[in-house]
C-alpha atoms as a PDB file:
ATOM      1  CA  UNK A   1      -8.395 -17.657   6.296  1.00  0.00           C
ATOM      2  CA  UNK A   2      -7.494 -14.811   3.985  1.00  0.00           C
ATOM      3  CA  UNK A   3      -6.056 -15.705   0.601  1.00  0.00           C
ATOM      4  CA  UNK A   4      -2.661 -14.097   1.292  1.00  0.00           C
ATOM      5  CA  UNK A   5      -2.347 -15.998   4.568  1.00  0.00           C
ATOM      6  CA  UNK A   6      -3.233 -19.284   2.872  1.00  0.00           C
ATOM      7  CA  UNK A   7      -0.603 -18.717   0.202  1.00  0.00           C
ATOM      8  CA  UNK A   8       2.093 -17.747   2.718  1.00  0.00           C
ATOM      9  CA  UNK A   9       1.245 -20.755   4.903  1.00  0.00           C
ATOM     10  CA  UNK A  10       1.318 -23.259   2.040  1.00  0.00           C
ATOM     11  CA  UNK A  11       4.554 -22.074   0.429  1.00  0.00           C
ATOM     12  CA  UNK A  12       6.939 -25.042   0.573  1.00  0.00           C
ATOM     13  CA  UNK A  13      10.003 -22.818   1.041  1.00  0.00           C
ATOM     14  CA  UNK A  14       8.689 -20.861   3.991  1.00  0.00           C
ATOM     15  CA  UNK A  15       9.942 -17.443   5.025  1.00  0.00           C
ATOM     16  CA  UNK A  16      12.168 -15.907   7.670  1.00  0.00           C
ATOM     17  CA  UNK A  17       9.381 -13.432   8.400  1.00  0.00           C
ATOM     18  CA  UNK A  18       6.350 -13.946  10.620  1.00  0.00           C
ATOM     19  CA  UNK A  19       3.722 -15.448   8.326  1.00  0.00           C
ATOM     20  CA  UNK A  20       0.834 -13.441   9.805  1.00  0.00           C
ATOM     21  CA  UNK A  21       2.732 -10.171   9.579  1.00  0.00           C
ATOM     22  CA  UNK A  22       3.734 -10.909   5.987  1.00  0.00           C
ATOM     23  CA  UNK A  23       0.189 -11.860   4.959  1.00  0.00           C
ATOM     24  CA  UNK A  24      -1.303  -8.825   6.728  1.00  0.00           C
ATOM     25  CA  UNK A  25       1.120  -6.550   4.885  1.00  0.00           C
ATOM     26  CA  UNK A  26       0.309  -8.136   1.526  1.00  0.00           C
ATOM     27  CA  UNK A  27      -3.418  -7.653   2.179  1.00  0.00           C
ATOM     28  CA  UNK A  28      -2.869  -4.017   3.276  1.00  0.00           C
ATOM     29  CA  UNK A  29      -0.825  -3.304   0.136  1.00  0.00           C
ATOM     30  CA  UNK A  30      -3.453  -4.786  -2.177  1.00  0.00           C
ATOM     31  CA  UNK A  31      -6.253  -2.930  -0.412  1.00  0.00           C
ATOM     32  CA  UNK A  32      -4.348   0.356  -0.550  1.00  0.00           C
ATOM     33  CA  UNK A  33      -3.604  -0.080  -4.255  1.00  0.00           C
ATOM     34  CA  UNK A  34      -7.285  -0.605  -4.992  1.00  0.00           C
ATOM     35  CA  UNK A  35      -8.424   2.226  -2.732  1.00  0.00           C
ATOM     36  CA  UNK A  36      -5.973   4.667  -4.333  1.00  0.00           C
ATOM     37  CA  UNK A  37      -7.106   3.652  -7.812  1.00  0.00           C
ATOM     38  CA  UNK A  38     -10.728   4.237  -6.821  1.00  0.00           C
ATOM     39  CA  UNK A  39      -9.883   7.572  -5.195  1.00  0.00           C
ATOM     40  CA  UNK A  40      -8.090   8.770  -8.345  1.00  0.00           C
ATOM     41  CA  UNK A  41     -11.121   7.794 -10.393  1.00  0.00           C
ATOM     42  CA  UNK A  42     -13.460   9.607  -7.992  1.00  0.00           C
ATOM     43  CA  UNK A  43     -11.220  12.690  -8.110  1.00  0.00           C
ATOM     44  CA  UNK A  44     -11.579  12.705 -11.887  1.00  0.00           C
ATOM     45  CA  UNK A  45     -15.341  13.067 -11.403  1.00  0.00           C
ATOM     46  CA  UNK A  46     -15.087  16.032  -9.043  1.00  0.00           C
ATOM     47  CA  UNK A  47     -16.310  19.364 -10.459  1.00  0.00           C
ATOM     48  CA  UNK A  48     -12.953  21.001  -9.671  1.00  0.00           C
ATOM     49  CA  UNK A  49     -10.803  18.277 -11.239  1.00  0.00           C
ATOM     50  CA  UNK A  50      -8.054  20.779 -12.085  1.00  0.00           C
ATOM     51  CA  UNK A  51      -7.548  21.314  -8.358  1.00  0.00           C
ATOM     52  CA  UNK A  52      -7.138  17.559  -7.870  1.00  0.00           C
ATOM     53  CA  UNK A  53      -4.179  16.945 -10.211  1.00  0.00           C
ATOM     54  CA  UNK A  54      -1.646  16.444  -7.398  1.00  0.00           C
ATOM     55  CA  UNK A  55      -4.033  14.172  -5.533  1.00  0.00           C
ATOM     56  CA  UNK A  56      -4.747  12.093  -8.626  1.00  0.00           C
ATOM     57  CA  UNK A  57      -1.051  11.769  -9.411  1.00  0.00           C
ATOM     58  CA  UNK A  58      -0.209  10.655  -5.865  1.00  0.00           C
ATOM     59  CA  UNK A  59      -3.155   8.245  -5.845  1.00  0.00           C
ATOM     60  CA  UNK A  60      -1.917   6.622  -9.045  1.00  0.00           C
ATOM     61  CA  UNK A  61       1.718   6.545  -7.910  1.00  0.00           C
ATOM     62  CA  UNK A  62       0.685   5.029  -4.592  1.00  0.00           C
ATOM     63  CA  UNK A  63      -1.511   2.441  -6.296  1.00  0.00           C
ATOM     64  CA  UNK A  64       1.320   1.362  -8.597  1.00  0.00           C
ATOM     65  CA  UNK A  65       3.955   1.200  -5.875  1.00  0.00           C
ATOM     66  CA  UNK A  66       1.661  -0.661  -3.461  1.00  0.00           C
ATOM     67  CA  UNK A  67       0.765  -3.201  -6.147  1.00  0.00           C
ATOM     68  CA  UNK A  68       4.421  -3.759  -7.050  1.00  0.00           C
ATOM     69  CA  UNK A  69       5.424  -3.969  -3.382  1.00  0.00           C
ATOM     70  CA  UNK A  70       2.718  -6.551  -2.702  1.00  0.00           C
ATOM     71  CA  UNK A  71       4.154  -8.769  -5.409  1.00  0.00           C
ATOM     72  CA  UNK A  72       7.775  -8.343  -4.299  1.00  0.00           C
ATOM     73  CA  UNK A  73       7.132  -9.091  -0.619  1.00  0.00           C
ATOM     74  CA  UNK A  74       4.917 -12.061  -1.516  1.00  0.00           C
ATOM     75  CA  UNK A  75       7.839 -13.813  -3.211  1.00  0.00           C
ATOM     76  CA  UNK A  76       9.553 -16.080  -0.714  1.00  0.00           C
ATOM     77  CA  UNK A  77      11.830 -18.070  -3.027  1.00  0.00           C
ATOM     78  CA  UNK A  78      15.425 -16.745  -3.040  1.00  0.00           C
ATOM     79  CA  UNK A  79      14.335 -13.932  -0.700  1.00  0.00           C
ATOM     80  CA  UNK A  80      16.484 -10.779  -0.874  1.00  0.00           C
ATOM     81  CA  UNK A  81      16.207  -8.539   2.189  1.00  0.00           C
ATOM     82  CA  UNK A  82      17.930  -5.626   0.408  1.00  0.00           C
ATOM     83  CA  UNK A  83      15.267  -5.516  -2.290  1.00  0.00           C
ATOM     84  CA  UNK A  84      12.467  -5.989   0.232  1.00  0.00           C
ATOM     85  CA  UNK A  85      13.748  -3.096   2.347  1.00  0.00           C
ATOM     86  CA  UNK A  86      14.012  -0.821  -0.717  1.00  0.00           C
ATOM     87  CA  UNK A  87      10.466  -1.443  -1.925  1.00  0.00           C
ATOM     88  CA  UNK A  88       9.036  -1.127   1.588  1.00  0.00           C
ATOM     89  CA  UNK A  89      10.841   2.190   2.083  1.00  0.00           C
ATOM     90  CA  UNK A  90       9.511   3.489  -1.242  1.00  0.00           C
ATOM     91  CA  UNK A  91       6.022   2.350  -0.336  1.00  0.00           C
ATOM     92  CA  UNK A  92       6.192   4.032   3.071  1.00  0.00           C
ATOM     93  CA  UNK A  93       7.222   7.306   1.408  1.00  0.00           C
ATOM     94  CA  UNK A  94       4.452   7.304  -1.199  1.00  0.00           C
ATOM     95  CA  UNK A  95       1.778   6.157   1.274  1.00  0.00           C
ATOM     96  CA  UNK A  96       2.763   9.000   3.601  1.00  0.00           C
ATOM     97  CA  UNK A  97       2.639  11.560   0.777  1.00  0.00           C
ATOM     98  CA  UNK A  98      -0.681  10.266  -0.532  1.00  0.00           C
ATOM     99  CA  UNK A  99      -2.218  10.219   2.954  1.00  0.00           C
ATOM    100  CA  UNK A 100      -1.144  13.818   3.510  1.00  0.00           C
ATOM    101  CA  UNK A 101      -2.542  14.986   0.164  1.00  0.00           C
ATOM    102  CA  UNK A 102      -5.826  13.091   0.465  1.00  0.00           C
ATOM    103  CA  UNK A 103      -6.094  14.251   4.063  1.00  0.00           C
ATOM    104  CA  UNK A 104      -6.233  17.851   2.824  1.00  0.00           C
ATOM    105  CA  UNK A 105      -9.382  17.032   0.856  1.00  0.00           C
ATOM    106  CA  UNK A 106     -10.923  14.582   3.321  1.00  0.00           C
ATOM    107  CA  UNK A 107     -13.282  17.018   5.007  1.00  0.00           C
ATOM    108  CA  UNK A 108     -15.022  17.751   1.711  1.00  0.00           C
ATOM    109  CA  UNK A 109     -14.520  14.513  -0.199  1.00  0.00           C
ATOM    110  CA  UNK A 110     -15.329  11.254   1.535  1.00  0.00           C
ATOM    111  CA  UNK A 111     -13.336   9.201  -0.985  1.00  0.00           C
ATOM    112  CA  UNK A 112     -10.203  11.158  -0.070  1.00  0.00           C
ATOM    113  CA  UNK A 113     -10.847  10.661   3.654  1.00  0.00           C
ATOM    114  CA  UNK A 114     -11.154   6.915   3.149  1.00  0.00           C
ATOM    115  CA  UNK A 115      -8.048   6.853   0.959  1.00  0.00           C
ATOM    116  CA  UNK A 116      -5.990   8.812   3.498  1.00  0.00           C
ATOM    117  CA  UNK A 117      -6.959   6.322   6.218  1.00  0.00           C
ATOM    118  CA  UNK A 118      -6.094   3.348   4.012  1.00  0.00           C
ATOM    119  CA  UNK A 119      -2.729   4.872   3.076  1.00  0.00           C
ATOM    120  CA  UNK A 120      -1.896   5.398   6.747  1.00  0.00           C
ATOM    121  CA  UNK A 121      -2.861   1.813   7.538  1.00  0.00           C
ATOM    122  CA  UNK A 122      -0.692   0.527   4.694  1.00  0.00           C
ATOM    123  CA  UNK A 123       2.201   2.775   5.691  1.00  0.00           C
ATOM    124  CA  UNK A 124       2.072   1.344   9.223  1.00  0.00           C
ATOM    125  CA  UNK A 125       1.934  -2.249   7.942  1.00  0.00           C
ATOM    126  CA  UNK A 126       4.977  -1.567   5.769  1.00  0.00           C
ATOM    127  CA  UNK A 127       6.845   0.044   8.684  1.00  0.00           C
ATOM    128  CA  UNK A 128       6.125  -2.989  10.853  1.00  0.00           C
ATOM    129  CA  UNK A 129       7.326  -5.416   8.193  1.00  0.00           C
ATOM    130  CA  UNK A 130      10.387  -3.256   7.477  1.00  0.00           C
ATOM    131  CA  UNK A 131      11.354  -3.438  11.148  1.00  0.00           C
ATOM    132  CA  UNK A 132      11.083  -7.230  10.976  1.00  0.00           C
ATOM    133  CA  UNK A 133      13.206  -7.383   7.813  1.00  0.00           C
ATOM    134  CA  UNK A 134      15.919  -5.478   9.670  1.00  0.00           C
END
């Protein structure tokens, strides 16, 4: 059992959301945050780093927003759907932007291809959870 699932399942307060969907989203957010951080770092090592400024910025923004979103959606005590919706919507927007930017470099830079795929996966997980939040 994944760590996020174990924590969701053992929370004494429970959640109104499907525990598997919530845990899967938390895991996707954490993975995306780490992938974006690694992609930004790899971009900094590219010979044409000046051409990668937008990509690096979006990677770092996406990493920060995914990390924050993972923490907000993981909190089940005194759950606030309004806040959850807002952070998920922000995360969807930045994941989409980062995926598009990294996708432009993906044919020439494997780290950007991987990052674009991870951002799309995270964006979809957030969309699915957002639909459940209502």
